[in-house]
Amino acid sequence: QVPLVESGGGLVQPGGSLRLSCVASTRFFTTYTIGWYRQRPGKQRELVASIAVRGDTNYADSVKGRFTISRDNAKNTVDLQMDSLKPEDTAVYYCNTVYWGAPTESWGQGTQVTVSS
């Protein structure tokens, strides 16, 4: 079973919205905090939002107030609602576990988000 599968990316104009979805393996979903990471062109991969098993959330300052992370423990899914998108949000977005600030699983394919007029 592929541990993590992301979907929902696309091309959107500045100010627009997208909703990303991640389906994760049962093997670790109910144990770990799950996060959305992104890799912008020419930059290192960074953690932008995370959600603990019990629902506590954290966001990077760059997305706070614009992105909302949620999880459905019954479906093993973690979604990222992205509003008020900016060109600098353009990146490949990935989901993975967050353990002491770092991922524990192999990376999936990711999903491309492009914000451009």
N, C-alpha and C. Protein backbone atom coordinates (compact mmCIF):
# COMPACT_ATOMS: atom_id res chain seq x y z
N GLN A 1 0.84 -1.19 0.00
CA GLN A 1 0.00 0.00 0.00
C GLN A 1 0.88 1.24 0.00
N VAL A 2 0.57 2.16 -0.93
CA VAL A 2 1.29 3.42 -0.97
C VAL A 2 0.97 4.18 0.30
N PRO A 3 1.97 4.65 1.03
CA PRO A 3 1.69 5.28 2.33
C PRO A 3 0.92 6.59 2.25
N LEU A 4 1.19 7.38 1.20
CA LEU A 4 0.58 8.71 1.14
C LEU A 4 0.26 9.06 -0.31
N VAL A 5 -0.94 9.53 -0.54
CA VAL A 5 -1.35 9.93 -1.89
C VAL A 5 -2.01 11.30 -1.81
N GLU A 6 -1.43 12.24 -2.54
CA GLU A 6 -1.96 13.61 -2.53
C GLU A 6 -2.75 13.89 -3.80
N SER A 7 -3.73 14.77 -3.70
CA SER A 7 -4.50 15.18 -4.87
C SER A 7 -5.10 16.56 -4.65
N GLY A 8 -5.60 17.16 -5.73
CA GLY A 8 -6.33 18.41 -5.60
C GLY A 8 -5.62 19.65 -6.10
N GLY A 9 -4.38 19.52 -6.54
CA GLY A 9 -3.67 20.69 -7.02
C GLY A 9 -4.19 21.18 -8.35
N GLY A 10 -3.63 22.30 -8.80
CA GLY A 10 -4.04 22.85 -10.09
C GLY A 10 -3.56 24.27 -10.26
N LEU A 11 -4.09 24.91 -11.27
CA LEU A 11 -3.76 26.31 -11.58
C LEU A 11 -4.89 27.20 -11.07
N VAL A 12 -4.54 28.23 -10.34
CA VAL A 12 -5.54 29.13 -9.78
C VAL A 12 -5.00 30.56 -9.84
N GLN A 13 -5.90 31.52 -9.97
CA GLN A 13 -5.49 32.91 -10.00
C GLN A 13 -5.21 33.42 -8.58
N PRO A 14 -4.38 34.44 -8.46
CA PRO A 14 -4.15 35.03 -7.13
C PRO A 14 -5.47 35.42 -6.48
N GLY A 15 -5.58 35.13 -5.19
CA GLY A 15 -6.81 35.38 -4.47
C GLY A 15 -7.78 34.22 -4.49
N GLY A 16 -7.50 33.22 -5.29
CA GLY A 16 -8.38 32.07 -5.41
C GLY A 16 -8.17 31.04 -4.33
N SER A 17 -8.89 29.93 -4.47
CA SER A 17 -8.84 28.86 -3.45
C SER A 17 -8.63 27.50 -4.10
N LEU A 18 -8.03 26.62 -3.34
CA LEU A 18 -7.90 25.22 -3.71
C LEU A 18 -8.01 24.38 -2.45
N ARG A 19 -8.45 23.14 -2.63
CA ARG A 19 -8.50 22.20 -1.51
C ARG A 19 -7.71 20.96 -1.88
N LEU A 20 -6.68 20.69 -1.09
CA LEU A 20 -5.85 19.51 -1.30
C LEU A 20 -6.33 18.39 -0.38
N SER A 21 -6.14 17.16 -0.84
CA SER A 21 -6.52 16.02 -0.03
C SER A 21 -5.39 15.00 0.01
N CYS A 22 -5.22 14.38 1.17
CA CYS A 22 -4.19 13.36 1.36
C CYS A 22 -4.85 12.13 1.94
N VAL A 23 -4.63 10.99 1.31
CA VAL A 23 -5.06 9.72 1.87
C VAL A 23 -3.82 9.01 2.41
N ALA A 24 -3.88 8.63 3.67
CA ALA A 24 -2.69 8.06 4.32
C ALA A 24 -2.95 6.63 4.77
N SER A 25 -1.87 5.89 4.93
CA SER A 25 -1.97 4.50 5.36
C SER A 25 -2.49 4.39 6.78
N THR A 26 -3.34 3.40 6.99
CA THR A 26 -3.85 3.12 8.33
C THR A 26 -2.71 2.79 9.30
N ARG A 27 -1.63 2.27 8.74
CA ARG A 27 -0.49 1.82 9.56
C ARG A 27 -0.02 2.91 10.53
N PHE A 28 -0.07 4.17 10.09
CA PHE A 28 0.45 5.21 10.96
C PHE A 28 -0.51 6.37 11.18
N PHE A 29 -1.64 6.36 10.48
CA PHE A 29 -2.49 7.55 10.50
C PHE A 29 -2.99 7.88 11.90
N THR A 30 -3.38 6.88 12.67
CA THR A 30 -3.97 7.14 13.98
C THR A 30 -2.92 7.28 15.07
N THR A 31 -1.65 7.28 14.68
CA THR A 31 -0.58 7.39 15.65
C THR A 31 0.15 8.73 15.56
N TYR A 32 0.29 9.24 14.34
CA TYR A 32 1.14 10.40 14.12
C TYR A 32 0.37 11.67 13.79
N THR A 33 0.98 12.79 14.15
CA THR A 33 0.60 14.07 13.56
C THR A 33 0.86 13.98 12.06
N ILE A 34 -0.03 14.55 11.28
CA ILE A 34 0.12 14.58 9.82
C ILE A 34 0.28 16.03 9.39
N GLY A 35 1.16 16.25 8.45
CA GLY A 35 1.41 17.61 7.99
C GLY A 35 1.38 17.74 6.49
N TRP A 36 1.17 18.97 6.04
CA TRP A 36 1.35 19.31 4.64
C TRP A 36 2.66 20.08 4.52
N TYR A 37 3.49 19.63 3.61
CA TYR A 37 4.75 20.26 3.32
C TYR A 37 4.67 20.81 1.89
N ARG A 38 5.56 21.73 1.57
CA ARG A 38 5.63 22.20 0.19
C ARG A 38 7.08 22.48 -0.20
N GLN A 39 7.33 22.34 -1.48
CA GLN A 39 8.64 22.68 -2.01
C GLN A 39 8.46 23.68 -3.13
N ARG A 40 8.83 24.90 -2.85
CA ARG A 40 8.75 25.95 -3.86
C ARG A 40 9.96 25.88 -4.78
N PRO A 41 9.85 26.40 -5.99
CA PRO A 41 10.98 26.34 -6.93
C PRO A 41 12.25 26.92 -6.33
N GLY A 42 13.31 26.15 -6.36
CA GLY A 42 14.60 26.60 -5.86
C GLY A 42 14.72 26.65 -4.35
N LYS A 43 13.72 26.16 -3.64
CA LYS A 43 13.73 26.22 -2.16
C LYS A 43 13.72 24.81 -1.58
N GLN A 44 14.07 24.72 -0.31
CA GLN A 44 13.96 23.45 0.40
C GLN A 44 12.51 23.18 0.78
N ARG A 45 12.21 21.92 0.95
CA ARG A 45 10.87 21.55 1.38
C ARG A 45 10.62 22.09 2.78
N GLU A 46 9.41 22.61 3.02
CA GLU A 46 9.08 23.20 4.31
C GLU A 46 7.71 22.70 4.77
N LEU A 47 7.55 22.65 6.07
CA LEU A 47 6.27 22.26 6.68
C LEU A 47 5.39 23.51 6.77
N VAL A 48 4.17 23.44 6.23
CA VAL A 48 3.30 24.62 6.27
C VAL A 48 2.12 24.46 7.22
N ALA A 49 1.70 23.24 7.48
CA ALA A 49 0.57 23.04 8.40
C ALA A 49 0.61 21.61 8.92
N SER A 50 0.16 21.44 10.15
CA SER A 50 0.11 20.09 10.71
C SER A 50 -1.10 19.97 11.62
N ILE A 51 -1.53 18.72 11.80
CA ILE A 51 -2.67 18.46 12.67
C ILE A 51 -2.41 17.17 13.43
N ALA A 52 -2.57 17.26 14.75
CA ALA A 52 -2.35 16.11 15.61
C ALA A 52 -3.56 15.17 15.56
N VAL A 53 -3.39 13.99 16.11
CA VAL A 53 -4.47 13.00 16.11
C VAL A 53 -5.72 13.56 16.77
N ARG A 54 -5.52 14.32 17.84
CA ARG A 54 -6.66 14.88 18.55
C ARG A 54 -7.15 16.19 17.97
N GLY A 55 -6.49 16.69 16.90
CA GLY A 55 -7.01 17.86 16.21
C GLY A 55 -6.27 19.16 16.44
N ASP A 56 -5.25 19.19 17.29
CA ASP A 56 -4.47 20.42 17.48
C ASP A 56 -3.76 20.75 16.18
N THR A 57 -3.78 22.02 15.82
CA THR A 57 -3.20 22.44 14.54
C THR A 57 -2.07 23.44 14.74
N ASN A 58 -1.16 23.47 13.77
CA ASN A 58 -0.09 24.46 13.72
C ASN A 58 0.12 24.89 12.28
N TYR A 59 0.47 26.15 12.11
CA TYR A 59 0.67 26.70 10.77
C TYR A 59 1.95 27.52 10.72
N ALA A 60 2.58 27.50 9.56
CA ALA A 60 3.68 28.41 9.32
C ALA A 60 3.14 29.83 9.25
N ASP A 61 3.94 30.79 9.65
CA ASP A 61 3.49 32.18 9.63
C ASP A 61 3.05 32.62 8.23
N SER A 62 3.69 32.07 7.23
CA SER A 62 3.40 32.50 5.85
C SER A 62 2.01 32.11 5.38
N VAL A 63 1.38 31.14 6.04
CA VAL A 63 0.06 30.68 5.59
C VAL A 63 -1.01 30.88 6.66
N LYS A 64 -0.62 31.32 7.83
CA LYS A 64 -1.57 31.47 8.94
C LYS A 64 -2.69 32.43 8.54
N GLY A 65 -3.91 32.03 8.80
CA GLY A 65 -5.06 32.85 8.46
C GLY A 65 -5.59 32.63 7.05
N ARG A 66 -4.83 31.92 6.23
CA ARG A 66 -5.25 31.66 4.85
C ARG A 66 -5.48 30.17 4.59
N PHE A 67 -4.72 29.31 5.25
CA PHE A 67 -4.83 27.87 5.07
C PHE A 67 -5.49 27.25 6.30
N THR A 68 -6.27 26.20 6.06
CA THR A 68 -6.89 25.46 7.15
C THR A 68 -6.70 23.97 6.92
N ILE A 69 -6.13 23.30 7.91
CA ILE A 69 -5.91 21.87 7.82
C ILE A 69 -6.96 21.14 8.64
N SER A 70 -7.41 20.00 8.14
CA SER A 70 -8.41 19.21 8.85
C SER A 70 -8.14 17.73 8.58
N ARG A 71 -8.65 16.89 9.46
CA ARG A 71 -8.45 15.46 9.26
C ARG A 71 -9.73 14.70 9.58
N ASP A 72 -9.89 13.57 8.89
CA ASP A 72 -11.01 12.66 9.14
C ASP A 72 -10.39 11.32 9.50
N ASN A 73 -10.38 11.00 10.78
CA ASN A 73 -9.72 9.78 11.24
C ASN A 73 -10.43 8.52 10.78
N ALA A 74 -11.70 8.63 10.44
CA ALA A 74 -12.44 7.47 9.96
C ALA A 74 -12.07 7.13 8.52
N LYS A 75 -11.67 8.14 7.77
CA LYS A 75 -11.34 7.94 6.35
C LYS A 75 -9.84 7.99 6.08
N ASN A 76 -9.04 8.24 7.11
CA ASN A 76 -7.59 8.37 6.95
C ASN A 76 -7.22 9.48 5.97
N THR A 77 -7.91 10.58 6.05
CA THR A 77 -7.64 11.69 5.13
C THR A 77 -7.29 12.96 5.91
N VAL A 78 -6.44 13.75 5.29
CA VAL A 78 -6.09 15.07 5.81
C VAL A 78 -6.23 16.05 4.65
N ASP A 79 -7.03 17.06 4.83
CA ASP A 79 -7.25 18.06 3.79
C ASP A 79 -6.57 19.38 4.14
N LEU A 80 -6.24 20.14 3.12
CA LEU A 80 -5.69 21.48 3.29
C LEU A 80 -6.51 22.44 2.44
N GLN A 81 -7.31 23.26 3.10
CA GLN A 81 -8.07 24.29 2.41
C GLN A 81 -7.19 25.52 2.29
N MET A 82 -6.95 25.95 1.07
CA MET A 82 -6.07 27.09 0.83
C MET A 82 -6.87 28.23 0.21
N ASP A 83 -6.97 29.31 0.93
CA ASP A 83 -7.71 30.50 0.47
C ASP A 83 -6.74 31.68 0.30
N SER A 84 -7.21 32.70 -0.40
CA SER A 84 -6.41 33.91 -0.62
C SER A 84 -5.01 33.55 -1.11
N LEU A 85 -4.96 32.69 -2.09
CA LEU A 85 -3.67 32.20 -2.59
C LEU A 85 -2.86 33.30 -3.23
N LYS A 86 -1.54 33.19 -3.05
CA LYS A 86 -0.59 34.17 -3.58
C LYS A 86 0.36 33.47 -4.54
N PRO A 87 0.96 34.20 -5.45
CA PRO A 87 1.94 33.57 -6.35
C PRO A 87 3.05 32.83 -5.60
N GLU A 88 3.42 33.33 -4.43
CA GLU A 88 4.48 32.66 -3.66
C GLU A 88 4.04 31.36 -3.02
N ASP A 89 2.76 31.02 -3.14
CA ASP A 89 2.30 29.71 -2.68
C ASP A 89 2.52 28.63 -3.75
N THR A 90 2.96 29.04 -4.92
CA THR A 90 3.25 28.09 -5.98
C THR A 90 4.32 27.10 -5.52
N ALA A 91 3.98 25.82 -5.59
CA ALA A 91 4.88 24.78 -5.07
C ALA A 91 4.29 23.41 -5.36
N VAL A 92 5.10 22.39 -5.14
CA VAL A 92 4.58 21.03 -5.08
C VAL A 92 4.26 20.76 -3.61
N TYR A 93 3.05 20.32 -3.35
CA TYR A 93 2.60 20.08 -1.99
C TYR A 93 2.57 18.58 -1.70
N TYR A 94 3.08 18.24 -0.53
CA TYR A 94 3.16 16.85 -0.10
C TYR A 94 2.56 16.71 1.30
N CYS A 95 2.05 15.54 1.59
CA CYS A 95 1.68 15.25 2.98
C CYS A 95 2.62 14.17 3.51
N ASN A 96 2.79 14.17 4.81
CA ASN A 96 3.64 13.19 5.47
C ASN A 96 3.41 13.30 6.97
N THR A 97 3.96 12.39 7.70
CA THR A 97 3.88 12.49 9.15
C THR A 97 4.77 13.63 9.64
N VAL A 98 4.55 14.02 10.88
CA VAL A 98 5.40 15.01 11.53
C VAL A 98 5.81 14.42 12.86
N TYR A 99 7.07 14.08 13.00
CA TYR A 99 7.59 13.50 14.24
C TYR A 99 8.84 14.28 14.62
N TRP A 100 8.74 15.01 15.72
CA TRP A 100 9.82 15.92 16.10
C TRP A 100 10.18 16.84 14.92
N GLY A 101 9.14 17.29 14.23
CA GLY A 101 9.33 18.27 13.17
C GLY A 101 9.75 17.72 11.83
N ALA A 102 9.87 16.40 11.73
CA ALA A 102 10.37 15.81 10.50
C ALA A 102 9.46 14.67 10.03
N PRO A 103 9.47 14.37 8.73
CA PRO A 103 8.64 13.27 8.22
C PRO A 103 9.26 11.91 8.54
N THR A 104 8.43 10.89 8.59
CA THR A 104 8.94 9.54 8.87
C THR A 104 8.74 8.58 7.70
N GLU A 105 7.90 8.96 6.74
CA GLU A 105 7.58 8.05 5.65
C GLU A 105 8.25 8.52 4.34
N SER A 106 8.29 7.63 3.38
CA SER A 106 8.80 8.03 2.06
C SER A 106 7.81 9.00 1.43
N TRP A 107 8.32 9.88 0.60
CA TRP A 107 7.49 10.90 -0.02
C TRP A 107 6.64 10.32 -1.15
N GLY A 108 5.42 10.86 -1.25
CA GLY A 108 4.57 10.51 -2.39
C GLY A 108 4.92 11.38 -3.59
N GLN A 109 4.03 11.36 -4.58
CA GLN A 109 4.26 12.13 -5.81
C GLN A 109 4.07 13.63 -5.59
N GLY A 110 3.27 13.98 -4.61
CA GLY A 110 2.94 15.38 -4.40
C GLY A 110 1.90 15.84 -5.40
N THR A 111 1.43 17.07 -5.19
CA THR A 111 0.47 17.66 -6.11
C THR A 111 0.88 19.11 -6.38
N GLN A 112 0.90 19.48 -7.65
CA GLN A 112 1.40 20.80 -8.04
C GLN A 112 0.31 21.85 -7.85
N VAL A 113 0.67 22.94 -7.19
CA VAL A 113 -0.20 24.11 -7.06
C VAL A 113 0.51 25.27 -7.73
N THR A 114 -0.17 25.88 -8.69
CA THR A 114 0.38 27.04 -9.38
C THR A 114 -0.59 28.20 -9.24
N VAL A 115 -0.08 29.31 -8.70
CA VAL A 115 -0.90 30.50 -8.51
C VAL A 115 -0.37 31.57 -9.46
N SER A 116 -1.16 31.86 -10.47
CA SER A 116 -0.71 32.77 -11.51
C SER A 116 -1.90 33.36 -12.24
N SER A 117 -1.73 34.59 -12.68
CA SER A 117 -2.77 35.23 -13.48
C SER A 117 -2.51 35.02 -14.97
